[in-house]
Amino acid sequence: MTGWEFACGVAILAGGTYLIRVAGVRLRSRITVSPAVETLLERSTMILLIAVGLTGALFAGTELSDPARPIGVAAGAVAALLRAPLAVVIVVAAATTAALRLVL
């Protein structure tokens, strides 16, 4: 893949993303969505975010990550569930991972 092909691919994806966002704003007032569909869309968004987070926590490239990474992510998730500020969540997750990697 050449640099131009890559740049064109990125530009097409960026343009498509922008058009989807504009379509959402423009069509929101014209289309009524039932509460069941809104609930389904909200849940599917959360499922997608959780799946991406788990993939990042469990895999390093094509291999499984070391046990410290998912445990650190879990510690950060617990801190987030306890409504800690974002900086505290990040520090808790990083410190837990670092401490476990030092020990293991």
Protein backbone atom coordinates (compact mmCIF):
# COMPACT_ATOMS: atom_id res chain seq x y z
CA MET A 1 0.00 0.00 0.00
CA THR A 2 1.41 3.34 -1.00
CA GLY A 3 1.16 6.54 0.95
CA TRP A 4 -1.46 7.95 -1.41
CA GLU A 5 -3.67 4.88 -1.10
CA PHE A 6 -3.46 5.09 2.67
CA ALA A 7 -4.23 8.83 2.65
CA CYS A 8 -7.21 8.29 0.32
CA GLY A 9 -8.54 5.52 2.56
CA VAL A 10 -8.28 7.72 5.62
CA ALA A 11 -9.96 10.61 3.79
CA ILE A 12 -12.84 8.38 2.62
CA LEU A 13 -13.38 7.01 6.14
CA ALA A 14 -13.24 10.51 7.64
CA GLY A 15 -15.72 11.82 5.07
CA GLY A 16 -18.08 8.89 5.65
CA THR A 17 -17.93 9.41 9.39
CA TYR A 18 -18.70 13.10 8.98
CA LEU A 19 -21.63 12.36 6.65
CA ILE A 20 -23.09 9.87 9.14
CA ARG A 21 -22.87 12.45 11.92
CA VAL A 22 -24.47 15.15 9.76
CA ALA A 23 -27.23 12.75 8.68
CA GLY A 24 -27.98 11.99 12.33
CA VAL A 25 -28.41 15.67 13.14
CA ARG A 26 -30.48 16.40 10.03
CA LEU A 27 -32.74 13.35 10.26
CA ARG A 28 -33.36 13.50 14.02
CA SER A 29 -36.22 15.96 13.62
CA ARG A 30 -37.77 14.07 10.67
CA ILE A 31 -37.72 10.52 11.96
CA THR A 32 -39.33 9.36 15.17
CA VAL A 33 -37.71 6.40 16.86
CA SER A 34 -39.59 4.26 19.34
CA PRO A 35 -38.33 4.04 22.92
CA ALA A 36 -37.56 0.35 22.36
CA VAL A 37 -35.24 1.18 19.45
CA GLU A 38 -33.55 3.94 21.47
CA THR A 39 -32.97 1.50 24.32
CA LEU A 40 -31.58 -1.07 21.88
CA LEU A 41 -29.21 1.48 20.34
CA GLU A 42 -27.97 2.61 23.77
CA ARG A 43 -27.35 -0.98 24.84
CA SER A 44 -25.60 -1.87 21.60
CA THR A 45 -23.29 1.12 22.03
CA MET A 46 -22.34 -0.05 25.51
CA ILE A 47 -21.78 -3.61 24.29
CA LEU A 48 -19.52 -2.35 21.52
CA LEU A 49 -17.48 -0.22 23.95
CA ILE A 50 -17.14 -3.11 26.40
CA ALA A 51 -16.05 -5.45 23.59
CA VAL A 52 -13.37 -3.02 22.43
CA GLY A 53 -12.18 -2.56 26.01
CA LEU A 54 -11.98 -6.29 26.62
CA THR A 55 -10.11 -6.86 23.38
CA GLY A 56 -7.57 -4.22 24.35
CA ALA A 57 -7.26 -5.65 27.85
CA LEU A 58 -6.88 -9.29 26.91
CA PHE A 59 -4.75 -9.17 23.77
CA ALA A 60 -1.36 -7.65 22.93
CA GLY A 61 -1.18 -7.82 19.16
CA THR A 62 -2.11 -11.37 18.21
CA GLU A 63 -1.08 -12.92 21.53
CA LEU A 64 -2.79 -13.00 24.89
CA SER A 65 -1.52 -10.29 27.20
CA ASP A 66 0.14 -10.97 30.52
CA PRO A 67 -2.21 -11.33 33.52
CA ALA A 68 -1.25 -7.90 34.85
CA ARG A 69 -3.04 -6.00 32.09
CA PRO A 70 -6.57 -7.40 32.58
CA ILE A 71 -6.20 -7.17 36.36
CA GLY A 72 -5.14 -3.52 36.02
CA VAL A 73 -8.10 -2.84 33.74
CA ALA A 74 -10.40 -4.51 36.28
CA ALA A 75 -8.94 -2.35 39.07
CA GLY A 76 -9.56 0.75 36.95
CA ALA A 77 -13.11 -0.41 36.24
CA VAL A 78 -13.77 -0.84 39.96
CA ALA A 79 -12.44 2.67 40.60
CA ALA A 80 -14.73 3.98 37.84
CA LEU A 81 -17.71 2.16 39.32
CA LEU A 82 -16.93 3.82 42.65
CA ARG A 83 -17.17 7.14 40.76
CA ALA A 84 -13.54 8.13 41.15
CA PRO A 85 -12.31 10.97 38.92
CA LEU A 86 -10.85 9.93 35.56
CA ALA A 87 -7.29 10.78 36.62
CA VAL A 88 -7.65 8.54 39.68
CA VAL A 89 -9.06 5.70 37.55
CA ILE A 90 -6.10 5.92 35.18
CA VAL A 91 -3.56 6.05 38.01
CA VAL A 92 -5.19 3.10 39.80
CA ALA A 93 -5.17 1.00 36.64
CA ALA A 94 -1.59 1.92 35.73
CA ALA A 95 -0.27 1.46 39.26
CA THR A 96 -1.95 -1.92 39.63
CA THR A 97 -0.57 -3.11 36.31
CA ALA A 98 2.92 -1.81 37.08
CA ALA A 99 2.96 -3.37 40.54
CA LEU A 100 1.82 -6.73 39.22
CA ARG A 101 4.40 -6.67 36.42
CA LEU A 102 7.08 -5.88 38.98
CA VAL A 103 6.00 -8.80 41.16
CA LEU A 104 5.34 -11.29 38.35
